[in-house]
N, C-alpha and C. Protein backbone atom coordinates (compact mmCIF):
# COMPACT_ATOMS: atom_id res chain seq x y z
N UNK A 1 85.32 148.31 87.18
CA UNK A 1 84.98 149.71 86.99
C UNK A 1 83.17 150.10 86.85
N UNK A 2 83.20 149.40 85.82
CA UNK A 2 81.35 149.57 85.30
C UNK A 2 80.48 148.52 86.55
N UNK A 3 81.14 147.36 86.98
CA UNK A 3 80.09 147.11 87.88
C UNK A 3 80.11 147.82 88.99
N UNK A 4 81.17 148.53 89.15
CA UNK A 4 80.90 149.35 90.62
C UNK A 4 80.06 150.61 90.29
N UNK A 5 79.98 151.08 89.03
CA UNK A 5 78.90 152.37 88.52
C UNK A 5 77.49 152.19 88.70
N UNK A 6 77.32 150.56 87.93
CA UNK A 6 76.12 149.80 88.36
C UNK A 6 75.98 149.30 89.54
N UNK A 7 76.39 149.05 90.38
CA UNK A 7 76.07 149.31 91.51
C UNK A 7 75.72 150.11 92.71
N UNK A 8 76.38 151.63 92.11
CA UNK A 8 76.08 153.00 92.60
C UNK A 8 74.87 153.01 92.40
N UNK A 9 74.70 152.91 91.22
CA UNK A 9 73.28 153.42 90.42
C UNK A 9 72.40 152.93 90.97
N UNK A 10 72.29 151.48 91.56
CA UNK A 10 71.21 150.58 92.32
C UNK A 10 70.98 151.18 93.95
N UNK A 11 72.24 151.58 94.38
CA UNK A 11 71.99 151.91 95.27
C UNK A 11 71.75 153.70 95.57
N UNK A 12 72.28 154.66 94.67
CA UNK A 12 71.84 155.99 94.63
C UNK A 12 70.50 155.74 94.28
N UNK A 13 69.70 155.27 93.37
CA UNK A 13 68.34 155.10 92.76
C UNK A 13 67.35 154.57 93.74
N UNK A 14 67.78 153.59 93.95
CA UNK A 14 66.79 152.70 94.63
C UNK A 14 66.18 151.72 93.72
N UNK A 15 66.29 151.52 92.99
CA UNK A 15 65.58 150.77 91.44
C UNK A 15 67.00 149.99 90.89
N UNK A 16 66.77 148.73 90.63
CA UNK A 16 67.65 147.54 89.69
C UNK A 16 68.03 148.34 88.91
N UNK A 17 69.23 147.91 88.41
CA UNK A 17 70.10 148.52 86.90
C UNK A 17 68.98 148.63 86.12
N UNK A 18 68.70 147.56 85.63
CA UNK A 18 68.05 147.03 84.26
C UNK A 18 66.66 148.18 84.45
N UNK A 19 65.93 148.01 85.58
CA UNK A 19 65.00 148.79 85.19
C UNK A 19 65.27 150.37 85.35
N UNK A 20 66.38 150.73 86.03
CA UNK A 20 66.82 152.06 85.44
C UNK A 20 67.57 152.42 83.98
N UNK A 21 67.93 151.37 83.88
CA UNK A 21 68.40 151.71 82.19
C UNK A 21 66.99 151.83 81.42
N UNK A 22 66.31 151.51 81.62
CA UNK A 22 64.98 151.28 80.96
C UNK A 22 64.18 152.25 80.65
N UNK A 23 63.84 153.11 82.26
CA UNK A 23 63.21 153.94 82.39
C UNK A 23 64.02 155.16 82.24
N UNK A 24 65.27 155.45 82.25
CA UNK A 24 65.73 157.02 82.06
C UNK A 24 66.69 156.65 80.87
N UNK A 25 67.00 155.73 79.93
CA UNK A 25 67.38 155.70 78.67
C UNK A 25 66.44 155.10 77.73
N UNK A 26 66.27 153.78 77.46
CA UNK A 26 65.50 153.47 76.70
C UNK A 26 64.13 153.94 76.45
N UNK A 27 63.10 154.11 77.29
CA UNK A 27 62.06 155.02 77.26
C UNK A 27 62.09 156.39 76.57
N UNK A 28 63.11 156.90 77.33
CA UNK A 28 63.48 158.45 76.99
C UNK A 28 63.66 158.55 75.20
N UNK A 29 64.14 157.50 74.63
CA UNK A 29 64.97 157.54 73.34
C UNK A 29 64.03 156.45 72.47
N UNK A 30 62.63 156.07 73.05
CA UNK A 30 61.81 155.13 72.71
C UNK A 30 62.03 153.76 71.89
N UNK A 31 63.29 153.55 72.68
CA UNK A 31 63.77 152.15 72.25
C UNK A 31 63.26 150.99 72.63
N UNK A 32 62.12 150.85 72.51
CA UNK A 32 60.89 149.52 72.84
C UNK A 32 61.62 148.31 72.49
N UNK A 33 62.36 147.80 71.36
CA UNK A 33 62.90 146.54 71.24
C UNK A 33 64.26 146.46 71.64
N UNK A 34 64.75 147.14 72.65
CA UNK A 34 66.22 146.95 73.44
C UNK A 34 65.95 146.94 74.95
N UNK A 35 66.92 146.21 75.49
CA UNK A 35 66.71 145.86 76.70
C UNK A 35 68.34 145.07 77.44
N UNK A 36 68.45 145.07 78.56
CA UNK A 36 69.56 144.47 79.14
C UNK A 36 69.90 143.29 79.51
N UNK A 37 68.19 142.70 79.88
CA UNK A 37 68.22 140.99 79.46
C UNK A 37 67.52 140.84 78.40
N UNK A 38 68.08 139.43 78.16
CA UNK A 38 67.30 138.71 77.09
C UNK A 38 65.68 138.57 76.75
N UNK A 39 65.12 138.48 78.13
CA UNK A 39 63.87 138.32 78.54
C UNK A 39 62.98 139.63 78.03
N UNK A 40 63.87 140.81 78.16
CA UNK A 40 63.34 141.95 77.55
C UNK A 40 63.05 142.45 76.40
N UNK A 41 63.28 141.33 75.64
CA UNK A 41 63.59 142.11 74.00
C UNK A 41 62.99 140.74 72.90
N UNK A 42 62.71 141.19 72.21
CA UNK A 42 62.33 140.21 71.12
C UNK A 42 63.36 139.88 70.59
N UNK A 43 63.71 138.56 70.02
CA UNK A 43 65.17 137.76 69.90
C UNK A 43 65.17 138.05 68.27
N UNK A 44 64.09 138.08 67.78
CA UNK A 44 63.59 137.68 66.67
C UNK A 44 64.30 138.78 65.51
N UNK A 45 64.39 140.28 66.45
CA UNK A 45 64.76 141.45 65.81
C UNK A 45 66.39 141.51 65.99
N UNK A 46 66.79 140.69 66.47
CA UNK A 46 68.30 140.78 66.62
C UNK A 46 69.22 140.31 65.80
N UNK A 47 70.47 140.89 65.04
CA UNK A 47 71.09 140.14 64.12
C UNK A 47 71.27 138.42 64.77
N UNK A 48 71.52 137.85 63.50
CA UNK A 48 71.85 136.32 63.44
C UNK A 48 73.32 136.07 62.99
N UNK A 49 74.21 135.11 64.01
CA UNK A 49 75.57 134.47 63.54
C UNK A 49 75.17 133.67 62.94
N UNK A 50 75.98 133.52 61.89
CA UNK A 50 76.20 132.18 61.27
C UNK A 50 77.58 131.70 60.92
N UNK A 51 78.28 130.53 60.98
CA UNK A 51 79.34 130.00 60.23
C UNK A 51 79.52 129.61 59.34
N UNK A 52 81.11 129.92 58.53
CA UNK A 52 81.19 129.48 57.34
C UNK A 52 79.96 128.16 56.69
N UNK A 53 79.83 127.20 57.54
CA UNK A 53 79.07 125.95 56.64
C UNK A 53 77.40 126.56 56.45
N UNK A 54 77.05 127.97 56.59
CA UNK A 54 75.79 128.88 56.62
C UNK A 54 74.84 128.04 57.74
N UNK A 55 75.42 127.52 59.04
CA UNK A 55 74.55 127.42 59.83
C UNK A 55 74.34 128.46 60.75
N UNK A 56 73.05 128.47 61.63
CA UNK A 56 72.66 129.38 62.38
C UNK A 56 73.30 129.11 63.68
N UNK A 57 73.91 130.13 64.24
CA UNK A 57 74.76 129.56 65.92
C UNK A 57 73.59 130.12 66.79
N UNK A 58 73.05 129.60 67.74
CA UNK A 58 72.21 130.15 68.44
C UNK A 58 72.62 131.22 69.24
N UNK A 59 71.61 131.86 69.83
CA UNK A 59 71.88 133.24 70.50
C UNK A 59 72.61 132.52 72.03
N UNK A 60 73.74 133.26 72.58
CA UNK A 60 74.27 132.92 73.80
C UNK A 60 74.53 134.42 74.38
N UNK A 61 73.91 134.45 75.28
CA UNK A 61 73.95 135.79 75.76
C UNK A 61 74.88 135.43 77.65
N UNK A 62 76.19 136.03 77.62
CA UNK A 62 76.66 135.69 79.11
C UNK A 62 76.57 137.15 79.95
N UNK A 63 75.87 136.96 81.00
CA UNK A 63 75.12 138.18 81.94
C UNK A 63 75.51 138.86 82.85
N UNK A 64 76.68 139.59 82.48
CA UNK A 64 77.40 139.85 84.08
C UNK A 64 76.97 141.56 84.17
N UNK A 65 76.02 141.78 84.84
CA UNK A 65 75.37 142.85 84.90
C UNK A 65 76.63 143.75 85.52
N UNK A 66 76.53 144.93 85.48
CA UNK A 66 75.94 145.96 84.15
C UNK A 66 77.08 145.97 83.31
N UNK A 67 77.91 144.99 83.09
CA UNK A 67 79.05 144.96 82.14
C UNK A 67 78.86 144.73 80.85
N UNK A 68 77.45 144.04 80.54
CA UNK A 68 76.92 142.80 79.41
C UNK A 68 76.69 144.05 78.59
N UNK A 69 76.77 143.58 77.47
CA UNK A 69 76.07 144.16 76.42
C UNK A 69 74.58 144.77 76.39
N UNK A 70 74.43 145.89 75.48
CA UNK A 70 72.81 146.17 75.52
C UNK A 70 72.32 145.35 74.02
N UNK A 71 71.15 144.76 74.01
CA UNK A 71 70.20 144.00 73.11
C UNK A 71 69.30 144.56 72.79
N UNK A 72 69.65 144.95 71.50
CA UNK A 72 68.73 146.31 70.48
C UNK A 72 68.71 145.62 69.20
N UNK A 73 67.61 146.35 68.73
CA UNK A 73 67.27 146.29 67.23
C UNK A 73 67.79 147.31 66.73
N UNK A 74 68.10 146.73 65.28
CA UNK A 74 68.58 148.19 64.35
C UNK A 74 67.68 149.38 64.01
N UNK A 75 66.59 148.99 64.29
CA UNK A 75 65.62 150.34 64.20
C UNK A 75 66.13 151.62 65.63
N UNK A 76 66.11 150.94 66.64
CA UNK A 76 66.49 151.06 68.11
C UNK A 76 67.93 151.97 68.15
N UNK A 77 68.83 151.18 67.34
CA UNK A 77 70.03 151.75 67.44
C UNK A 77 70.45 153.03 66.54
N UNK A 78 69.28 152.91 65.53
CA UNK A 78 69.18 154.21 64.91
C UNK A 78 68.80 155.52 65.81
N UNK A 79 67.88 155.09 66.69
CA UNK A 79 67.27 156.07 67.13
C UNK A 79 68.55 156.98 68.25
N UNK A 80 69.12 155.95 68.67
CA UNK A 80 70.28 156.30 69.43
C UNK A 80 71.05 157.24 68.55
N UNK A 81 71.78 156.58 67.51
CA UNK A 81 72.68 157.26 66.71
C UNK A 81 71.98 158.70 65.97
N UNK A 82 70.73 158.55 65.95
CA UNK A 82 70.08 159.98 65.87
C UNK A 82 70.14 161.25 67.14
N UNK A 83 70.20 160.49 68.20
CA UNK A 83 70.67 161.21 69.16
C UNK A 83 71.91 162.17 69.47
N UNK A 84 73.13 161.45 68.63
CA UNK A 84 74.13 161.57 68.74
C UNK A 84 74.19 162.36 67.50
N UNK A 85 73.74 162.14 66.64
CA UNK A 85 73.90 163.11 65.20
C UNK A 85 73.22 164.76 65.70
N UNK A 86 72.10 164.62 66.40
CA UNK A 86 71.41 165.58 66.84
C UNK A 86 71.91 166.14 67.92
N UNK A 87 73.40 166.03 68.06
CA UNK A 87 74.37 166.79 69.22
C UNK A 87 73.24 166.51 70.54
N UNK A 88 72.85 165.42 71.02
CA UNK A 88 72.58 165.07 72.43
C UNK A 88 70.75 165.36 72.59
N UNK A 89 70.45 165.76 71.39
CA UNK A 89 68.90 165.90 71.29
C UNK A 89 67.63 164.40 71.02
N UNK A 90 67.15 164.53 72.36
CA UNK A 90 65.95 163.03 71.76
C UNK A 90 64.87 163.67 71.57
N UNK A 91 64.07 163.38 70.35
CA UNK A 91 62.76 163.95 70.03
C UNK A 91 62.77 165.48 70.29
N UNK A 92 62.40 166.32 71.33
CA UNK A 92 62.65 167.58 71.65
C UNK A 92 63.61 167.53 73.25
N UNK A 93 64.00 166.57 73.34
CA UNK A 93 64.98 167.01 74.97
C UNK A 93 66.08 167.17 74.63
N UNK A 94 67.02 167.44 75.38
CA UNK A 94 68.23 167.49 75.59
C UNK A 94 68.59 166.24 76.40
N UNK A 95 69.10 165.24 76.07
CA UNK A 95 69.73 164.22 76.88
C UNK A 95 71.29 164.43 77.13
N UNK A 96 72.01 164.75 76.37
CA UNK A 96 73.42 164.83 76.68
C UNK A 96 73.48 166.52 76.43
N UNK A 97 74.69 167.09 76.95
CA UNK A 97 75.38 168.38 76.39
C UNK A 97 76.05 168.59 74.93
N UNK A 98 76.15 169.62 74.39
CA UNK A 98 76.26 169.61 73.23
C UNK A 98 78.35 169.34 73.23
N UNK A 99 78.49 169.81 74.10
CA UNK A 99 79.90 169.91 74.32
C UNK A 99 80.30 168.37 75.27
N UNK A 100 79.44 167.53 75.51
CA UNK A 100 79.62 166.12 75.89
C UNK A 100 79.73 165.19 74.68
N UNK A 101 79.11 165.56 73.55
CA UNK A 101 79.15 164.79 72.29
C UNK A 101 80.60 164.99 71.70
N UNK A 102 81.02 166.74 71.93
CA UNK A 102 82.48 166.79 71.26
C UNK A 102 83.44 166.49 71.86
N UNK A 103 83.34 166.25 73.33
CA UNK A 103 84.39 165.78 73.84
C UNK A 103 84.67 164.19 73.78
N UNK A 104 83.33 163.30 73.47
CA UNK A 104 83.52 162.16 73.35
C UNK A 104 84.05 161.97 71.69
N UNK A 105 83.51 162.38 70.74
CA UNK A 105 83.84 162.10 69.24
C UNK A 105 84.35 163.21 68.52
N UNK A 106 85.10 164.25 69.43
CA UNK A 106 85.93 165.08 68.44
C UNK A 106 85.39 166.74 67.80
């Protein structure tokens, strides 16, 4: 279902999915350390995984757009969470309607 939604976004907007998310969401939130593709982010800002032997695991990204995860730093995720706590407002713009937040989170 998510793949179809991403395809529709590309066809309706005429913009690749990655670029659409960057322009319409990430730039609005000022999430400069986030992106869909690994090439779009500074991987040194991402959390690192370790196993029991305390060895660092290399970062592997399985890219199945648009159903893949958003790569984001903790500071960028804080900006997103701030929008949710502000009932959908980002900086001075309303990104979500107040009742949308209530529907999702109760």
